[in-house]
Amino acid sequence: MRRAQTILQAIFQAIATAAVLAAPAWAQAPMPINGVRVDADGVTFRLPVSACATKADYTVAMLKTPGQIMLLIAPRRQGACSPTGPGHMDLTYSYADLDLRAGAPFVLGNPLVGAP
């Protein structure tokens, strides 16, 4: 069972890597975020404070593979959402916004970093 799980993880990572390499340049280095929360309202991404303050400034990509869903949040325009100082902001996406079933497990494609 452990070997099968390791093989599936390697396959998923290969698929995710291929998806990132095929993506536009701005999506090739996932934006670090400060956290994520999942509740009855949807998925809340905790992002570093930047000039981008609304959901319209970001896009959420979803990669579906058998048995796993990966979410990745990224700015719509390269370089437009660089952190501007300490602190964070929260953006909540409903399950309908994400086309995600409430309670469905997913992995996060963004690296997590502590808030400064």
C-alpha atoms as a PDB file:
ATOM      1  CA  MET A   1       0.000   0.000   0.000  1.00  0.00           C
ATOM      2  CA  ARG A   2       2.794   2.430   0.902  1.00  0.00           C
ATOM      3  CA  ARG A   3       4.584   1.735  -2.404  1.00  0.00           C
ATOM      4  CA  ALA A   4       1.390   2.374  -4.383  1.00  0.00           C
ATOM      5  CA  GLN A   5       0.897   5.643  -2.507  1.00  0.00           C
ATOM      6  CA  THR A   6       4.509   6.699  -3.268  1.00  0.00           C
ATOM      7  CA  ILE A   7       4.045   5.865  -6.949  1.00  0.00           C
ATOM      8  CA  LEU A   8       0.776   7.854  -7.087  1.00  0.00           C
ATOM      9  CA  GLN A   9       2.460  10.835  -5.424  1.00  0.00           C
ATOM     10  CA  ALA A  10       5.300  10.702  -7.979  1.00  0.00           C
ATOM     11  CA  ILE A  11       2.799  10.561 -10.834  1.00  0.00           C
ATOM     12  CA  PHE A  12       0.821  13.494  -9.411  1.00  0.00           C
ATOM     13  CA  GLN A  13       3.978  15.560  -8.970  1.00  0.00           C
ATOM     14  CA  ALA A  14       4.972  14.826 -12.575  1.00  0.00           C
ATOM     15  CA  ILE A  15       1.536  15.913 -13.785  1.00  0.00           C
ATOM     16  CA  ALA A  16       1.623  19.044 -11.627  1.00  0.00           C
ATOM     17  CA  THR A  17       5.127  19.885 -12.873  1.00  0.00           C
ATOM     18  CA  ALA A  18       4.041  19.417 -16.490  1.00  0.00           C
ATOM     19  CA  ALA A  19       1.034  21.682 -15.865  1.00  0.00           C
ATOM     20  CA  VAL A  20       3.257  24.379 -14.366  1.00  0.00           C
ATOM     21  CA  LEU A  21       5.772  24.141 -17.214  1.00  0.00           C
ATOM     22  CA  ALA A  22       2.966  24.446 -19.753  1.00  0.00           C
ATOM     23  CA  ALA A  23       1.480  27.442 -17.930  1.00  0.00           C
ATOM     24  CA  PRO A  24       2.252  31.065 -18.725  1.00  0.00           C
ATOM     25  CA  ALA A  25       5.502  32.449 -17.281  1.00  0.00           C
ATOM     26  CA  TRP A  26       3.725  34.239 -14.411  1.00  0.00           C
ATOM     27  CA  ALA A  27       2.359  30.927 -13.169  1.00  0.00           C
ATOM     28  CA  GLN A  28       5.674  29.072 -13.175  1.00  0.00           C
ATOM     29  CA  ALA A  29       6.686  30.159  -9.670  1.00  0.00           C
ATOM     30  CA  PRO A  30       3.700  29.777  -7.355  1.00  0.00           C
ATOM     31  CA  MET A  31       3.100  32.819  -5.184  1.00  0.00           C
ATOM     32  CA  PRO A  32       3.848  32.171  -1.504  1.00  0.00           C
ATOM     33  CA  ILE A  33       0.810  32.730   0.714  1.00  0.00           C
ATOM     34  CA  ASN A  34       0.401  33.084   4.470  1.00  0.00           C
ATOM     35  CA  GLY A  35      -2.300  30.481   4.981  1.00  0.00           C
ATOM     36  CA  VAL A  36      -5.548  28.885   3.924  1.00  0.00           C
ATOM     37  CA  ARG A  37      -8.792  28.215   5.808  1.00  0.00           C
ATOM     38  CA  VAL A  38     -11.632  25.928   4.792  1.00  0.00           C
ATOM     39  CA  ASP A  39     -15.065  26.354   6.368  1.00  0.00           C
ATOM     40  CA  ALA A  40     -18.776  26.301   5.546  1.00  0.00           C
ATOM     41  CA  ASP A  41     -18.431  29.486   3.453  1.00  0.00           C
ATOM     42  CA  GLY A  42     -15.673  28.193   1.167  1.00  0.00           C
ATOM     43  CA  VAL A  43     -11.906  28.519   0.950  1.00  0.00           C
ATOM     44  CA  THR A  44     -10.126  31.581   2.333  1.00  0.00           C
ATOM     45  CA  PHE A  45      -6.626  32.367   1.128  1.00  0.00           C
ATOM     46  CA  ARG A  46      -4.487  34.509   3.458  1.00  0.00           C
ATOM     47  CA  LEU A  47      -2.276  36.595   1.169  1.00  0.00           C
ATOM     48  CA  PRO A  48       0.514  39.085   1.821  1.00  0.00           C
ATOM     49  CA  VAL A  49      -0.647  42.711   1.681  1.00  0.00           C
ATOM     50  CA  SER A  50      -0.165  44.090  -1.832  1.00  0.00           C
ATOM     51  CA  ALA A  51      -1.630  46.579  -4.281  1.00  0.00           C
ATOM     52  CA  CYS A  52      -4.025  43.782  -5.305  1.00  0.00           C
ATOM     53  CA  ALA A  53      -6.883  43.747  -2.821  1.00  0.00           C
ATOM     54  CA  THR A  54      -9.824  42.058  -4.552  1.00  0.00           C
ATOM     55  CA  LYS A  55     -10.706  38.671  -5.982  1.00  0.00           C
ATOM     56  CA  ALA A  56     -10.720  40.301  -9.431  1.00  0.00           C
ATOM     57  CA  ASP A  57      -6.922  40.720  -9.085  1.00  0.00           C
ATOM     58  CA  TYR A  58      -6.376  36.964  -8.677  1.00  0.00           C
ATOM     59  CA  THR A  59      -7.231  33.712 -10.376  1.00  0.00           C
ATOM     60  CA  VAL A  60      -7.554  30.283  -8.789  1.00  0.00           C
ATOM     61  CA  ALA A  61      -6.426  27.380 -10.926  1.00  0.00           C
ATOM     62  CA  MET A  62      -7.599  23.841 -10.275  1.00  0.00           C
ATOM     63  CA  LEU A  63      -5.754  20.725 -11.370  1.00  0.00           C
ATOM     64  CA  LYS A  64      -7.862  17.579 -11.118  1.00  0.00           C
ATOM     65  CA  THR A  65      -6.251  14.161 -11.259  1.00  0.00           C
ATOM     66  CA  PRO A  66      -7.844  10.872 -10.239  1.00  0.00           C
ATOM     67  CA  GLY A  67      -8.300  11.033  -6.487  1.00  0.00           C
ATOM     68  CA  GLN A  68      -6.767  14.476  -5.975  1.00  0.00           C
ATOM     69  CA  ILE A  69      -7.518  18.150  -6.555  1.00  0.00           C
ATOM     70  CA  MET A  70      -4.883  20.894  -6.409  1.00  0.00           C
ATOM     71  CA  LEU A  71      -5.769  24.574  -5.993  1.00  0.00           C
ATOM     72  CA  LEU A  72      -3.313  27.349  -6.782  1.00  0.00           C
ATOM     73  CA  ILE A  73      -3.977  31.074  -6.405  1.00  0.00           C
ATOM     74  CA  ALA A  74      -2.040  33.511  -8.595  1.00  0.00           C
ATOM     75  CA  PRO A  75      -2.213  37.163  -9.602  1.00  0.00           C
ATOM     76  CA  ARG A  76      -3.909  37.803 -12.935  1.00  0.00           C
ATOM     77  CA  ARG A  77      -1.052  40.110 -13.997  1.00  0.00           C
ATOM     78  CA  GLN A  78       2.604  39.224 -13.497  1.00  0.00           C
ATOM     79  CA  GLY A  79       4.365  41.425 -10.951  1.00  0.00           C
ATOM     80  CA  ALA A  80       1.232  43.389 -10.087  1.00  0.00           C
ATOM     81  CA  CYS A  81       0.696  41.828  -6.664  1.00  0.00           C
ATOM     82  CA  SER A  82       4.127  41.958  -5.045  1.00  0.00           C
ATOM     83  CA  PRO A  83       3.977  42.292  -1.236  1.00  0.00           C
ATOM     84  CA  THR A  84       4.003  45.945  -0.159  1.00  0.00           C
ATOM     85  CA  GLY A  85       4.617  45.565   3.567  1.00  0.00           C
ATOM     86  CA  PRO A  86       3.915  43.531   6.677  1.00  0.00           C
ATOM     87  CA  GLY A  87       0.529  42.037   7.285  1.00  0.00           C
ATOM     88  CA  HIS A  88      -1.963  39.970   5.337  1.00  0.00           C
ATOM     89  CA  MET A  89      -5.387  40.076   3.774  1.00  0.00           C
ATOM     90  CA  ASP A  90      -7.990  37.356   3.370  1.00  0.00           C
ATOM     91  CA  LEU A  91      -9.837  36.537   0.147  1.00  0.00           C
ATOM     92  CA  THR A  92     -12.706  34.052   0.408  1.00  0.00           C
ATOM     93  CA  TYR A  93     -13.933  32.048  -2.570  1.00  0.00           C
ATOM     94  CA  SER A  94     -17.205  30.153  -2.228  1.00  0.00           C
ATOM     95  CA  TYR A  95     -17.345  26.524  -3.258  1.00  0.00           C
ATOM     96  CA  ALA A  96     -19.451  27.649  -6.232  1.00  0.00           C
ATOM     97  CA  ASP A  97     -16.732  30.188  -7.192  1.00  0.00           C
ATOM     98  CA  LEU A  98     -14.221  27.343  -7.256  1.00  0.00           C
ATOM     99  CA  ASP A  99     -16.528  24.720  -8.778  1.00  0.00           C
ATOM    100  CA  LEU A 100     -15.611  22.587  -5.765  1.00  0.00           C
ATOM    101  CA  ARG A 101     -17.888  20.364  -3.703  1.00  0.00           C
ATOM    102  CA  ALA A 102     -18.035  21.466  -0.047  1.00  0.00           C
ATOM    103  CA  GLY A 103     -15.864  19.132   1.997  1.00  0.00           C
ATOM    104  CA  ALA A 104     -13.936  17.831  -1.015  1.00  0.00           C
ATOM    105  CA  PRO A 105     -10.282  17.274  -0.079  1.00  0.00           C
ATOM    106  CA  PHE A 106      -7.665  19.259  -1.972  1.00  0.00           C
ATOM    107  CA  VAL A 107      -3.975  20.095  -1.817  1.00  0.00           C
ATOM    108  CA  LEU A 108      -2.560  23.583  -2.098  1.00  0.00           C
ATOM    109  CA  GLY A 109      -0.120  24.359  -4.901  1.00  0.00           C
ATOM    110  CA  ASN A 110       1.186  27.546  -3.268  1.00  0.00           C
ATOM    111  CA  PRO A 111       4.022  27.419  -0.752  1.00  0.00           C
ATOM    112  CA  LEU A 112       3.043  28.520   2.752  1.00  0.00           C
ATOM    113  CA  VAL A 113       5.182  31.125   4.530  1.00  0.00           C
ATOM    114  CA  GLY A 114       4.748  32.804   7.886  1.00  0.00           C
ATOM    115  CA  ALA A 115       3.458  36.361   7.904  1.00  0.00           C
ATOM    116  CA  PRO A 116       6.246  38.902   8.490  1.00  0.00           C
END
